Amino acid sequence: MAKITLKSLAKHLGVSVATVSNAFNRPDQLSTDLRRHILAESEKLGFNGPNATARSLRTGRSDMIAILLADSLDYAISDPVASQLIKGIAEVLQQQGKDMLLLSGSKAVHSTAEAMPDGFIIYGRSKNPEQLDRVLASGKPMITVDCNLPDVGSVNIDNYRYAYDIAEYALHQQAGKVAVLGLRLLDSDRVCRMQPNELYQQEESIARRRLDGYLAAMQAQNRALPAEQVWHIPVNTHHYAETAAREALTQHPRPQLLLCMSDRIALGAIAVARQLGLSIPEDLRIVGFDGIEEAERAYPALTTIAQHSDEKGRTAARLLLSGQQQQHVLLDCELRLRDSC
């Protein structure tokens, strides 16, 4: 039996090739009865739809948008901030009939998948410059989220401003010793304190901007933040957060305020404080950053900056699909005051 093709099926049904194609790809163009008839006959004949690869070669489009991640796939899916951003992007892509491809930024070798998408959303500061160079060289539409690239539009928040705001509030609540549990301040895979010469190195990163916001708030109140009171946490997980928090909270004298660069870090610090018999906020005040759902459900509920990662994803996807890749958007955040501070 000859292989059924789009053309032979159309001839068999007595309709145009475009009509058969629309039954699979653009159902809104046909009546419900006609589409149902075409799909039923296709199933009888064993035809599963137009060849996506051939269509892509013919049109030069895959109807696919890639998210180029700074981290591994498993981290992006498990991290609540990244997963909310991906969810927001997916909502818009689904509305526009597009598919989504996740590309790991931790993959060292060239991937043929990089050639497939019609455009890219670059999420976070890349750890793989060779991969990023290949994507940039493709000349395809792209937009960045939580990072910046020359001549590429972006969706960000003002990390400096909101770090300043939450630190200013927390410092007014607590006049004692302060420690910062930072995230990815150094190129190191271990939890460690900062050194004086490292603290003031300027880098184009979210962590650097948040640290600068904390420092500015401290300086505005004539308070010092020594480098040894700033911890670098390499990965945003409870394990690393608890390691850093335990080091900070077993000092003598102990900090009375922890400025944490993520809600996950802050929640890890709350767990350690509870293990050490510390009451929050009586013995220790803690603030986070991100606004994940778990922060509101925690006990005590976490004071934090809510940055609406799902809306960040939706905004990036809309800009990319509408051809506004030169736009630079700063989204608003909220200071949410709760029991931890």
C-alpha atoms as a PDB file:
ATOM      1  CA  MET A   1       0.000   0.000   0.000  1.00  0.00           C
ATOM      2  CA  ALA A   2       1.345   3.376  -1.013  1.00  0.00           C
ATOM      3  CA  LYS A   3       2.256   5.763   1.782  1.00  0.00           C
ATOM      4  CA  ILE A   4      -0.478   8.269   2.524  1.00  0.00           C
ATOM      5  CA  THR A   5       0.652  11.861   2.051  1.00  0.00           C
ATOM      6  CA  LEU A   6      -1.031  15.183   2.569  1.00  0.00           C
ATOM      7  CA  LYS A   7      -1.546  15.453  -1.180  1.00  0.00           C
ATOM      8  CA  SER A   8      -2.944  11.941  -1.681  1.00  0.00           C
ATOM      9  CA  LEU A   9      -5.266  12.319   1.314  1.00  0.00           C
ATOM     10  CA  ALA A  10      -6.602  15.597  -0.045  1.00  0.00           C
ATOM     11  CA  LYS A  11      -7.279  13.915  -3.424  1.00  0.00           C
ATOM     12  CA  HIS A  12      -9.007  11.002  -1.690  1.00  0.00           C
ATOM     13  CA  LEU A  13     -11.255  13.380   0.282  1.00  0.00           C
ATOM     14  CA  GLY A  14     -11.905  15.689  -2.639  1.00  0.00           C
ATOM     15  CA  VAL A  15     -10.622  18.778  -0.825  1.00  0.00           C
ATOM     16  CA  SER A  16      -7.576  20.995  -1.179  1.00  0.00           C
ATOM     17  CA  VAL A  17      -4.212  20.290   0.437  1.00  0.00           C
ATOM     18  CA  ALA A  18      -4.637  23.504   2.441  1.00  0.00           C
ATOM     19  CA  THR A  19      -7.939  22.258   3.870  1.00  0.00           C
ATOM     20  CA  VAL A  20      -6.345  19.032   5.116  1.00  0.00           C
ATOM     21  CA  SER A  21      -3.421  20.999   6.571  1.00  0.00           C
ATOM     22  CA  ASN A  22      -5.830  23.336   8.367  1.00  0.00           C
ATOM     23  CA  ALA A  23      -7.631  20.371   9.921  1.00  0.00           C
ATOM     24  CA  PHE A  24      -4.417  19.517  11.761  1.00  0.00           C
ATOM     25  CA  ASN A  25      -2.798  22.907  12.252  1.00  0.00           C
ATOM     26  CA  ARG A  26      -5.473  25.618  12.071  1.00  0.00           C
ATOM     27  CA  PRO A  27      -8.798  24.124  13.222  1.00  0.00           C
ATOM     28  CA  ASP A  28     -10.393  27.555  13.530  1.00  0.00           C
ATOM     29  CA  GLN A  29     -10.354  27.800   9.714  1.00  0.00           C
ATOM     30  CA  LEU A  30     -12.787  24.884   9.229  1.00  0.00           C
ATOM     31  CA  SER A  31     -16.252  23.939  10.333  1.00  0.00           C
ATOM     32  CA  THR A  32     -16.421  21.416  13.167  1.00  0.00           C
ATOM     33  CA  ASP A  33     -18.098  18.776  10.962  1.00  0.00           C
ATOM     34  CA  LEU A  34     -15.581  19.088   8.108  1.00  0.00           C
ATOM     35  CA  ARG A  35     -12.599  18.882  10.469  1.00  0.00           C
ATOM     36  CA  ARG A  36     -14.096  15.871  12.261  1.00  0.00           C
ATOM     37  CA  HIS A  37     -14.639  14.125   8.891  1.00  0.00           C
ATOM     38  CA  ILE A  38     -11.066  14.790   7.730  1.00  0.00           C
ATOM     39  CA  LEU A  39      -9.526  13.577  10.998  1.00  0.00           C
ATOM     40  CA  ALA A  40     -11.698  10.449  11.040  1.00  0.00           C
ATOM     41  CA  GLU A  41     -10.722   9.506   7.455  1.00  0.00           C
ATOM     42  CA  SER A  42      -7.073  10.250   8.248  1.00  0.00           C
ATOM     43  CA  GLU A  43      -7.187   7.862  11.188  1.00  0.00           C
ATOM     44  CA  LYS A  44      -8.761   5.112   9.076  1.00  0.00           C
ATOM     45  CA  LEU A  45      -5.998   5.455   6.485  1.00  0.00           C
ATOM     46  CA  GLY A  46      -3.217   5.673   9.068  1.00  0.00           C
ATOM     47  CA  PHE A  47      -2.275   9.289   8.329  1.00  0.00           C
ATOM     48  CA  ASN A  48      -1.078  11.069  11.489  1.00  0.00           C
ATOM     49  CA  GLY A  49      -0.726  14.571  10.129  1.00  0.00           C
ATOM     50  CA  PRO A  50       1.670  16.693   8.069  1.00  0.00           C
ATOM     51  CA  ASN A  51       5.376  16.053   8.588  1.00  0.00           C
ATOM     52  CA  ALA A  52       6.584  18.713  11.024  1.00  0.00           C
ATOM     53  CA  THR A  53      10.181  18.544   9.812  1.00  0.00           C
ATOM     54  CA  ALA A  54       9.183  18.983   6.189  1.00  0.00           C
ATOM     55  CA  ARG A  55       6.894  21.862   7.076  1.00  0.00           C
ATOM     56  CA  SER A  56       9.700  23.539   9.016  1.00  0.00           C
ATOM     57  CA  LEU A  57      12.084  23.185   6.083  1.00  0.00           C
ATOM     58  CA  ARG A  58       9.462  24.525   3.698  1.00  0.00           C
ATOM     59  CA  THR A  59       8.396  27.532   5.774  1.00  0.00           C
ATOM     60  CA  GLY A  60      11.628  28.250   7.623  1.00  0.00           C
ATOM     61  CA  ARG A  61       9.658  28.192  10.906  1.00  0.00           C
ATOM     62  CA  SER A  62       9.323  25.618  13.643  1.00  0.00           C
ATOM     63  CA  ASP A  63       6.703  27.480  15.723  1.00  0.00           C
ATOM     64  CA  MET A  64       8.985  26.770  18.649  1.00  0.00           C
ATOM     65  CA  ILE A  65      10.544  29.189  21.157  1.00  0.00           C
ATOM     66  CA  ALA A  66      13.525  28.130  23.252  1.00  0.00           C
ATOM     67  CA  ILE A  67      14.321  29.168  26.798  1.00  0.00           C
ATOM     68  CA  LEU A  68      18.089  29.154  27.153  1.00  0.00           C
ATOM     69  CA  LEU A  69      18.647  28.421  30.831  1.00  0.00           C
ATOM     70  CA  ALA A  70      21.684  29.419  32.839  1.00  0.00           C
ATOM     71  CA  ASP A  71      21.441  26.170  34.784  1.00  0.00           C
ATOM     72  CA  SER A  72      20.611  22.512  34.327  1.00  0.00           C
ATOM     73  CA  LEU A  73      17.109  21.386  33.398  1.00  0.00           C
ATOM     74  CA  ASP A  74      16.470  19.667  36.721  1.00  0.00           C
ATOM     75  CA  TYR A  75      17.446  22.802  38.650  1.00  0.00           C
ATOM     76  CA  ALA A  76      15.198  25.042  36.540  1.00  0.00           C
ATOM     77  CA  ILE A  77      12.214  22.746  37.022  1.00  0.00           C
ATOM     78  CA  SER A  78      12.738  22.349  40.782  1.00  0.00           C
ATOM     79  CA  ASP A  79      13.556  25.989  41.551  1.00  0.00           C
ATOM     80  CA  PRO A  80      10.279  27.798  42.396  1.00  0.00           C
ATOM     81  CA  VAL A  81      11.326  31.105  40.808  1.00  0.00           C
ATOM     82  CA  ALA A  82      12.479  29.514  37.546  1.00  0.00           C
ATOM     83  CA  SER A  83       9.461  27.224  37.345  1.00  0.00           C
ATOM     84  CA  GLN A  84       7.086  30.184  37.795  1.00  0.00           C
ATOM     85  CA  LEU A  85       8.857  32.084  35.024  1.00  0.00           C
ATOM     86  CA  ILE A  86       8.649  29.057  32.709  1.00  0.00           C
ATOM     87  CA  LYS A  87       4.945  28.721  33.543  1.00  0.00           C
ATOM     88  CA  GLY A  88       4.337  32.361  32.563  1.00  0.00           C
ATOM     89  CA  ILE A  89       6.165  31.892  29.255  1.00  0.00           C
ATOM     90  CA  ALA A  90       4.244  28.679  28.552  1.00  0.00           C
ATOM     91  CA  GLU A  91       0.897  30.425  29.039  1.00  0.00           C
ATOM     92  CA  VAL A  92       1.630  32.963  26.307  1.00  0.00           C
ATOM     93  CA  LEU A  93       3.194  30.436  23.920  1.00  0.00           C
ATOM     94  CA  GLN A  94       0.182  28.170  24.265  1.00  0.00           C
ATOM     95  CA  GLN A  95      -2.185  31.047  23.521  1.00  0.00           C
ATOM     96  CA  GLN A  96      -0.198  31.813  20.368  1.00  0.00           C
ATOM     97  CA  GLY A  97       0.013  28.217  19.191  1.00  0.00           C
ATOM     98  CA  LYS A  98       3.745  27.926  19.856  1.00  0.00           C
ATOM     99  CA  ASP A  99       5.759  25.129  21.413  1.00  0.00           C
ATOM    100  CA  MET A 100       8.476  25.532  24.039  1.00  0.00           C
ATOM    101  CA  LEU A 101      11.958  24.057  24.110  1.00  0.00           C
ATOM    102  CA  LEU A 102      14.153  24.128  27.235  1.00  0.00           C
ATOM    103  CA  LEU A 103      17.891  24.301  26.553  1.00  0.00           C
ATOM    104  CA  SER A 104      20.277  23.617  29.408  1.00  0.00           C
ATOM    105  CA  GLY A 105      22.984  26.223  29.879  1.00  0.00           C
ATOM    106  CA  SER A 106      25.161  23.652  31.608  1.00  0.00           C
ATOM    107  CA  LYS A 107      25.563  21.498  28.507  1.00  0.00           C
ATOM    108  CA  ALA A 108      29.125  21.819  27.249  1.00  0.00           C
ATOM    109  CA  VAL A 109      28.744  20.281  23.783  1.00  0.00           C
ATOM    110  CA  HIS A 110      27.002  21.662  20.731  1.00  0.00           C
ATOM    111  CA  SER A 111      23.352  20.657  20.490  1.00  0.00           C
ATOM    112  CA  THR A 112      21.435  20.363  17.231  1.00  0.00           C
ATOM    113  CA  ALA A 113      18.378  21.576  19.172  1.00  0.00           C
ATOM    114  CA  GLU A 114      19.866  25.079  19.161  1.00  0.00           C
ATOM    115  CA  ALA A 115      19.062  25.356  15.438  1.00  0.00           C
ATOM    116  CA  MET A 116      15.370  24.494  15.809  1.00  0.00           C
ATOM    117  CA  PRO A 117      13.685  27.470  17.554  1.00  0.00           C
ATOM    118  CA  ASP A 118      12.319  30.556  15.845  1.00  0.00           C
ATOM    119  CA  GLY A 119      13.504  32.683  18.778  1.00  0.00           C
ATOM    120  CA  PHE A 120      15.131  32.574  22.196  1.00  0.00           C
ATOM    121  CA  ILE A 121      14.372  33.780  25.702  1.00  0.00           C
ATOM    122  CA  ILE A 122      17.715  33.880  27.507  1.00  0.00           C
ATOM    123  CA  TYR A 123      17.124  33.358  31.216  1.00  0.00           C
ATOM    124  CA  GLY A 124      19.934  34.344  33.536  1.00  0.00           C
ATOM    125  CA  ARG A 125      23.623  34.906  33.202  1.00  0.00           C
ATOM    126  CA  SER A 126      25.073  32.151  31.022  1.00  0.00           C
ATOM    127  CA  LYS A 127      27.710  29.791  32.383  1.00  0.00           C
ATOM    128  CA  ASN A 128      28.410  28.573  28.861  1.00  0.00           C
ATOM    129  CA  PRO A 129      29.781  31.449  26.741  1.00  0.00           C
ATOM    130  CA  GLU A 130      30.346  29.231  23.697  1.00  0.00           C
ATOM    131  CA  GLN A 131      26.706  28.209  23.640  1.00  0.00           C
ATOM    132  CA  LEU A 132      25.579  31.805  24.086  1.00  0.00           C
ATOM    133  CA  ASP A 133      27.838  32.923  21.226  1.00  0.00           C
ATOM    134  CA  ARG A 134      26.265  30.323  18.934  1.00  0.00           C
ATOM    135  CA  VAL A 135      22.775  31.498  19.831  1.00  0.00           C
ATOM    136  CA  LEU A 136      23.693  35.150  19.290  1.00  0.00           C
ATOM    137  CA  ALA A 137      25.299  34.295  15.945  1.00  0.00           C
ATOM    138  CA  SER A 138      22.042  32.727  14.751  1.00  0.00           C
ATOM    139  CA  GLY A 139      20.578  36.200  14.310  1.00  0.00           C
ATOM    140  CA  LYS A 140      17.176  34.965  15.485  1.00  0.00           C
ATOM    141  CA  PRO A 141      14.866  37.117  17.624  1.00  0.00           C
ATOM    142  CA  MET A 142      15.723  36.977  21.309  1.00  0.00           C
ATOM    143  CA  ILE A 143      15.126  38.692  24.610  1.00  0.00           C
ATOM    144  CA  THR A 144      16.852  38.352  27.970  1.00  0.00           C
ATOM    145  CA  VAL A 145      15.373  37.876  31.437  1.00  0.00           C
ATOM    146  CA  ASP A 146      17.351  38.603  34.624  1.00  0.00           C
ATOM    147  CA  CYS A 147      20.428  39.555  32.618  1.00  0.00           C
ATOM    148  CA  ASN A 148      21.486  41.988  29.908  1.00  0.00           C
ATOM    149  CA  LEU A 149      23.223  41.623  26.551  1.00  0.00           C
ATOM    150  CA  PRO A 150      24.275  44.386  24.137  1.00  0.00           C
ATOM    151  CA  ASP A 151      21.593  45.249  21.568  1.00  0.00           C
ATOM    152  CA  VAL A 152      19.115  42.733  23.013  1.00  0.00           C
ATOM    153  CA  GLY A 153      15.878  43.698  24.765  1.00  0.00           C
ATOM    154  CA  SER A 154      15.322  42.637  28.342  1.00  0.00           C
ATOM    155  CA  VAL A 155      12.808  42.024  31.113  1.00  0.00           C
ATOM    156  CA  ASN A 156      14.160  42.663  34.586  1.00  0.00           C
ATOM    157  CA  ILE A 157      13.364  44.091  37.975  1.00  0.00           C
ATOM    158  CA  ASP A 158      15.387  46.779  39.717  1.00  0.00           C
ATOM    159  CA  ASN A 159      17.279  44.432  42.008  1.00  0.00           C
ATOM    160  CA  TYR A 160      19.304  47.264  43.563  1.00  0.00           C
ATOM    161  CA  ARG A 161      16.229  49.307  44.450  1.00  0.00           C
ATOM    162  CA  TYR A 162      14.229  46.474  45.982  1.00  0.00           C
ATOM    163  CA  ALA A 163      17.204  45.067  47.896  1.00  0.00           C
ATOM    164  CA  TYR A 164      17.709  48.574  49.291  1.00  0.00           C
ATOM    165  CA  ASP A 165      14.024  48.848  50.223  1.00  0.00           C
ATOM    166  CA  ILE A 166      13.831  45.590  52.149  1.00  0.00           C
ATOM    167  CA  ALA A 167      17.186  46.173  53.849  1.00  0.00           C
ATOM    168  CA  GLU A 168      16.178  49.697  54.857  1.00  0.00           C
ATOM    169  CA  TYR A 169      12.970  48.386  56.411  1.00  0.00           C
ATOM    170  CA  ALA A 170      14.719  45.512  58.210  1.00  0.00           C
ATOM    171  CA  LEU A 171      17.524  47.710  59.538  1.00  0.00           C
ATOM    172  CA  HIS A 172      14.978  50.037  61.124  1.00  0.00           C
ATOM    173  CA  GLN A 173      13.518  47.027  62.929  1.00  0.00           C
ATOM    174  CA  GLN A 174      16.857  45.705  64.227  1.00  0.00           C
ATOM    175  CA  ALA A 175      19.848  47.735  65.390  1.00  0.00           C
ATOM    176  CA  GLY A 176      22.096  44.725  66.072  1.00  0.00           C
ATOM    177  CA  LYS A 177      24.613  42.752  64.048  1.00  0.00           C
ATOM    178  CA  VAL A 178      23.728  42.000  60.410  1.00  0.00           C
ATOM    179  CA  ALA A 179      24.757  39.128  58.125  1.00  0.00           C
ATOM    180  CA  VAL A 180      23.999  38.592  54.440  1.00  0.00           C
ATOM    181  CA  LEU A 181      23.310  35.159  52.997  1.00  0.00           C
ATOM    182  CA  GLY A 182      24.077  35.848  49.352  1.00  0.00           C
ATOM    183  CA  LEU A 183      23.510  33.795  46.232  1.00  0.00           C
ATOM    184  CA  ARG A 184      26.164  33.304  43.535  1.00  0.00           C
ATOM    185  CA  LEU A 185      28.379  36.178  44.521  1.00  0.00           C
ATOM    186  CA  LEU A 186      31.538  34.274  43.541  1.00  0.00           C
ATOM    187  CA  ASP A 187      32.673  31.733  40.989  1.00  0.00           C
ATOM    188  CA  SER A 188      32.845  28.976  43.579  1.00  0.00           C
ATOM    189  CA  ASP A 189      30.894  25.764  44.187  1.00  0.00           C
ATOM    190  CA  ARG A 190      31.215  25.879  47.976  1.00  0.00           C
ATOM    191  CA  VAL A 191      29.632  27.898  50.759  1.00  0.00           C
ATOM    192  CA  CYS A 192      32.107  30.487  51.988  1.00  0.00           C
ATOM    193  CA  ARG A 193      32.471  33.957  53.401  1.00  0.00           C
ATOM    194  CA  MET A 194      33.525  36.857  51.233  1.00  0.00           C
ATOM    195  CA  GLN A 195      36.981  38.359  51.411  1.00  0.00           C
ATOM    196  CA  PRO A 196      37.448  42.156  51.599  1.00  0.00           C
ATOM    197  CA  ASN A 197      38.839  42.382  48.072  1.00  0.00           C
ATOM    198  CA  GLU A 198      35.915  40.327  46.714  1.00  0.00           C
ATOM    199  CA  LEU A 199      33.136  42.335  48.303  1.00  0.00           C
ATOM    200  CA  TYR A 200      33.561  45.373  46.084  1.00  0.00           C
ATOM    201  CA  GLN A 201      34.264  43.697  42.762  1.00  0.00           C
ATOM    202  CA  GLN A 202      31.619  44.928  40.337  1.00  0.00           C
ATOM    203  CA  GLU A 203      29.826  42.346  38.210  1.00  0.00           C
ATOM    204  CA  GLU A 204      26.792  42.504  35.956  1.00  0.00           C
ATOM    205  CA  SER A 205      24.677  40.092  37.962  1.00  0.00           C
ATOM    206  CA  ILE A 206      21.514  39.991  40.024  1.00  0.00           C
ATOM    207  CA  ALA A 207      23.457  39.053  43.151  1.00  0.00           C
ATOM    208  CA  ARG A 208      25.842  41.960  42.741  1.00  0.00           C
ATOM    209  CA  ARG A 209      22.975  44.433  42.404  1.00  0.00           C
ATOM    210  CA  ARG A 210      21.202  43.059  45.452  1.00  0.00           C
ATOM    211  CA  LEU A 211      24.377  43.193  47.516  1.00  0.00           C
ATOM    212  CA  ASP A 212      24.961  46.787  46.418  1.00  0.00           C
ATOM    213  CA  GLY A 213      21.416  47.620  47.538  1.00  0.00           C
ATOM    214  CA  TYR A 214      22.066  46.107  50.968  1.00  0.00           C
ATOM    215  CA  LEU A 215      25.361  47.983  51.271  1.00  0.00           C
ATOM    216  CA  ALA A 216      23.739  51.290  50.315  1.00  0.00           C
ATOM    217  CA  ALA A 217      21.010  50.826  52.922  1.00  0.00           C
ATOM    218  CA  MET A 218      23.633  50.075  55.562  1.00  0.00           C
ATOM    219  CA  GLN A 219      25.645  53.153  54.609  1.00  0.00           C
ATOM    220  CA  ALA A 220      22.534  55.347  54.698  1.00  0.00           C
ATOM    221  CA  GLN A 221      22.194  54.426  58.380  1.00  0.00           C
ATOM    222  CA  ASN A 222      25.917  54.825  59.067  1.00  0.00           C
ATOM    223  CA  ARG A 223      26.307  51.105  59.622  1.00  0.00           C
ATOM    224  CA  ALA A 224      29.108  48.922  58.307  1.00  0.00           C
ATOM    225  CA  LEU A 225      28.823  45.534  56.637  1.00  0.00           C
ATOM    226  CA  PRO A 226      32.193  43.751  56.917  1.00  0.00           C
ATOM    227  CA  ALA A 227      33.051  41.336  54.122  1.00  0.00           C
ATOM    228  CA  GLU A 228      33.269  38.424  56.559  1.00  0.00           C
ATOM    229  CA  GLN A 229      29.575  38.907  57.360  1.00  0.00           C
ATOM    230  CA  VAL A 230      28.604  38.135  53.748  1.00  0.00           C
ATOM    231  CA  TRP A 231      28.203  34.476  52.739  1.00  0.00           C
ATOM    232  CA  HIS A 232      28.363  33.131  49.203  1.00  0.00           C
ATOM    233  CA  ILE A 233      25.890  30.309  48.507  1.00  0.00           C
ATOM    234  CA  PRO A 234      26.559  28.592  45.144  1.00  0.00           C
ATOM    235  CA  VAL A 235      23.129  27.030  44.499  1.00  0.00           C
ATOM    236  CA  ASN A 236      19.680  28.126  45.639  1.00  0.00           C
ATOM    237  CA  THR A 237      18.810  25.016  47.686  1.00  0.00           C
ATOM    238  CA  HIS A 238      17.831  24.381  51.300  1.00  0.00           C
ATOM    239  CA  HIS A 239      20.977  22.293  51.839  1.00  0.00           C
ATOM    240  CA  TYR A 240      23.389  25.086  50.952  1.00  0.00           C
ATOM    241  CA  ALA A 241      21.211  27.662  52.698  1.00  0.00           C
ATOM    242  CA  GLU A 242      21.236  25.707  55.941  1.00  0.00           C
ATOM    243  CA  THR A 243      25.019  25.281  55.757  1.00  0.00           C
ATOM    244  CA  ALA A 244      25.546  29.044  55.431  1.00  0.00           C
ATOM    245  CA  ALA A 245      22.900  29.903  58.030  1.00  0.00           C
ATOM    246  CA  ARG A 246      24.438  27.542  60.581  1.00  0.00           C
ATOM    247  CA  GLU A 247      27.853  29.167  60.113  1.00  0.00           C
ATOM    248  CA  ALA A 248      26.352  32.630  60.498  1.00  0.00           C
ATOM    249  CA  LEU A 249      24.154  31.848  63.500  1.00  0.00           C
ATOM    250  CA  THR A 250      26.792  30.016  65.535  1.00  0.00           C
ATOM    251  CA  GLN A 251      29.112  33.050  65.567  1.00  0.00           C
ATOM    252  CA  HIS A 252      29.825  34.946  68.758  1.00  0.00           C
ATOM    253  CA  PRO A 253      28.356  37.479  68.833  1.00  0.00           C
ATOM    254  CA  ARG A 254      25.491  36.163  66.758  1.00  0.00           C
ATOM    255  CA  PRO A 255      23.732  38.269  64.073  1.00  0.00           C
ATOM    256  CA  GLN A 256      20.319  39.614  64.980  1.00  0.00           C
ATOM    257  CA  LEU A 257      19.310  40.184  61.350  1.00  0.00           C
ATOM    258  CA  LEU A 258      19.792  38.022  58.245  1.00  0.00           C
ATOM    259  CA  LEU A 259      19.371  39.604  54.809  1.00  0.00           C
ATOM    260  CA  CYS A 260      18.794  36.653  52.466  1.00  0.00           C
ATOM    261  CA  MET A 261      19.015  36.944  48.672  1.00  0.00           C
ATOM    262  CA  SER A 262      16.258  34.413  48.069  1.00  0.00           C
ATOM    263  CA  ASP A 263      13.226  33.079  49.883  1.00  0.00           C
ATOM    264  CA  ARG A 264      14.644  29.557  49.723  1.00  0.00           C
ATOM    265  CA  ILE A 265      17.744  30.745  51.562  1.00  0.00           C
ATOM    266  CA  ALA A 266      15.605  32.565  54.125  1.00  0.00           C
ATOM    267  CA  LEU A 267      13.457  29.472  54.714  1.00  0.00           C
ATOM    268  CA  GLY A 268      16.602  27.422  55.240  1.00  0.00           C
ATOM    269  CA  ALA A 269      17.774  30.016  57.757  1.00  0.00           C
ATOM    270  CA  ILE A 270      14.437  29.824  59.603  1.00  0.00           C
ATOM    271  CA  ALA A 271      14.836  26.053  59.884  1.00  0.00           C
ATOM    272  CA  VAL A 272      18.356  26.419  61.325  1.00  0.00           C
ATOM    273  CA  ALA A 273      17.237  29.141  63.759  1.00  0.00           C
ATOM    274  CA  ARG A 274      14.495  26.832  65.031  1.00  0.00           C
ATOM    275  CA  GLN A 275      17.031  24.005  65.512  1.00  0.00           C
ATOM    276  CA  LEU A 276      19.229  26.373  67.518  1.00  0.00           C
ATOM    277  CA  GLY A 277      16.322  27.349  69.758  1.00  0.00           C
ATOM    278  CA  LEU A 278      16.067  30.922  68.457  1.00  0.00           C
ATOM    279  CA  SER A 279      12.710  32.703  68.373  1.00  0.00           C
ATOM    280  CA  ILE A 280      11.754  34.721  65.300  1.00  0.00           C
ATOM    281  CA  PRO A 281      11.418  37.691  65.343  1.00  0.00           C
ATOM    282  CA  GLU A 282      12.283  38.080  69.052  1.00  0.00           C
ATOM    283  CA  ASP A 283      15.855  36.712  68.863  1.00  0.00           C
ATOM    284  CA  LEU A 284      16.415  36.979  65.113  1.00  0.00           C
ATOM    285  CA  ARG A 285      14.822  38.784  62.193  1.00  0.00           C
ATOM    286  CA  ILE A 286      15.000  37.305  58.699  1.00  0.00           C
ATOM    287  CA  VAL A 287      13.999  38.696  55.299  1.00  0.00           C
ATOM    288  CA  GLY A 288      14.002  37.034  51.896  1.00  0.00           C
ATOM    289  CA  PHE A 289      13.624  37.956  48.241  1.00  0.00           C
ATOM    290  CA  ASP A 290      11.393  36.505  45.459  1.00  0.00           C
ATOM    291  CA  GLY A 291       7.885  36.048  46.851  1.00  0.00           C
ATOM    292  CA  ILE A 292       7.481  32.289  46.371  1.00  0.00           C
ATOM    293  CA  GLU A 293       4.279  30.685  47.693  1.00  0.00           C
ATOM    294  CA  GLU A 294       6.152  28.755  50.379  1.00  0.00           C
ATOM    295  CA  ALA A 295       7.284  32.041  51.953  1.00  0.00           C
ATOM    296  CA  GLU A 296       3.698  32.948  52.840  1.00  0.00           C
ATOM    297  CA  ARG A 297       2.892  29.486  54.202  1.00  0.00           C
ATOM    298  CA  ALA A 298       6.038  29.292  56.369  1.00  0.00           C
ATOM    299  CA  TYR A 299       5.959  29.721  60.135  1.00  0.00           C
ATOM    300  CA  PRO A 300       6.676  32.458  60.792  1.00  0.00           C
ATOM    301  CA  ALA A 301       5.552  33.865  57.449  1.00  0.00           C
ATOM    302  CA  LEU A 302       8.460  35.471  55.627  1.00  0.00           C
ATOM    303  CA  THR A 303       8.934  39.197  54.999  1.00  0.00           C
ATOM    304  CA  THR A 304      10.109  39.395  51.404  1.00  0.00           C
ATOM    305  CA  ILE A 305      10.143  41.159  48.045  1.00  0.00           C
ATOM    306  CA  ALA A 306       7.565  39.618  45.671  1.00  0.00           C
ATOM    307  CA  GLN A 307       8.830  39.839  42.116  1.00  0.00           C
ATOM    308  CA  HIS A 308       5.996  38.039  40.219  1.00  0.00           C
ATOM    309  CA  SER A 309       8.128  35.665  38.156  1.00  0.00           C
ATOM    310  CA  ASP A 310       5.142  34.357  36.182  1.00  0.00           C
ATOM    311  CA  GLU A 311       4.387  37.866  34.916  1.00  0.00           C
ATOM    312  CA  LYS A 312       8.062  38.301  34.069  1.00  0.00           C
ATOM    313  CA  GLY A 313       7.774  35.219  31.861  1.00  0.00           C
ATOM    314  CA  ARG A 314       4.557  36.392  30.234  1.00  0.00           C
ATOM    315  CA  THR A 315       6.059  39.800  29.494  1.00  0.00           C
ATOM    316  CA  ALA A 316       9.180  38.300  27.906  1.00  0.00           C
ATOM    317  CA  ALA A 317       7.138  35.969  25.701  1.00  0.00           C
ATOM    318  CA  ARG A 318       4.795  38.751  24.564  1.00  0.00           C
ATOM    319  CA  LEU A 319       7.683  41.046  23.645  1.00  0.00           C
ATOM    320  CA  LEU A 320       9.427  38.313  21.683  1.00  0.00           C
ATOM    321  CA  LEU A 321       6.366  37.199  19.752  1.00  0.00           C
ATOM    322  CA  SER A 322       5.274  40.771  18.971  1.00  0.00           C
ATOM    323  CA  GLY A 323       8.669  41.670  17.516  1.00  0.00           C
ATOM    324  CA  GLN A 324       9.552  44.153  20.273  1.00  0.00           C
ATOM    325  CA  GLN A 325      12.999  42.717  20.954  1.00  0.00           C
ATOM    326  CA  GLN A 326      14.591  46.118  21.553  1.00  0.00           C
ATOM    327  CA  GLN A 327      12.368  46.970  24.522  1.00  0.00           C
ATOM    328  CA  HIS A 328      13.846  47.127  28.023  1.00  0.00           C
ATOM    329  CA  VAL A 329      11.179  46.534  30.663  1.00  0.00           C
ATOM    330  CA  LEU A 330      11.534  46.910  34.427  1.00  0.00           C
ATOM    331  CA  LEU A 331       8.676  45.275  36.313  1.00  0.00           C
ATOM    332  CA  ASP A 332       7.420  46.439  39.688  1.00  0.00           C
ATOM    333  CA  CYS A 333       7.794  44.386  42.863  1.00  0.00           C
ATOM    334  CA  GLU A 334       6.116  44.498  46.278  1.00  0.00           C
ATOM    335  CA  LEU A 335       7.547  44.623  49.783  1.00  0.00           C
ATOM    336  CA  ARG A 336       5.437  42.114  51.711  1.00  0.00           C
ATOM    337  CA  LEU A 337       5.665  42.585  55.460  1.00  0.00           C
ATOM    338  CA  ARG A 338       5.107  39.454  57.517  1.00  0.00           C
ATOM    339  CA  ASP A 339       6.023  37.975  60.895  1.00  0.00           C
ATOM    340  CA  SER A 340       9.708  37.112  60.272  1.00  0.00           C
ATOM    341  CA  CYS A 341      10.620  40.813  60.473  1.00  0.00           C
END
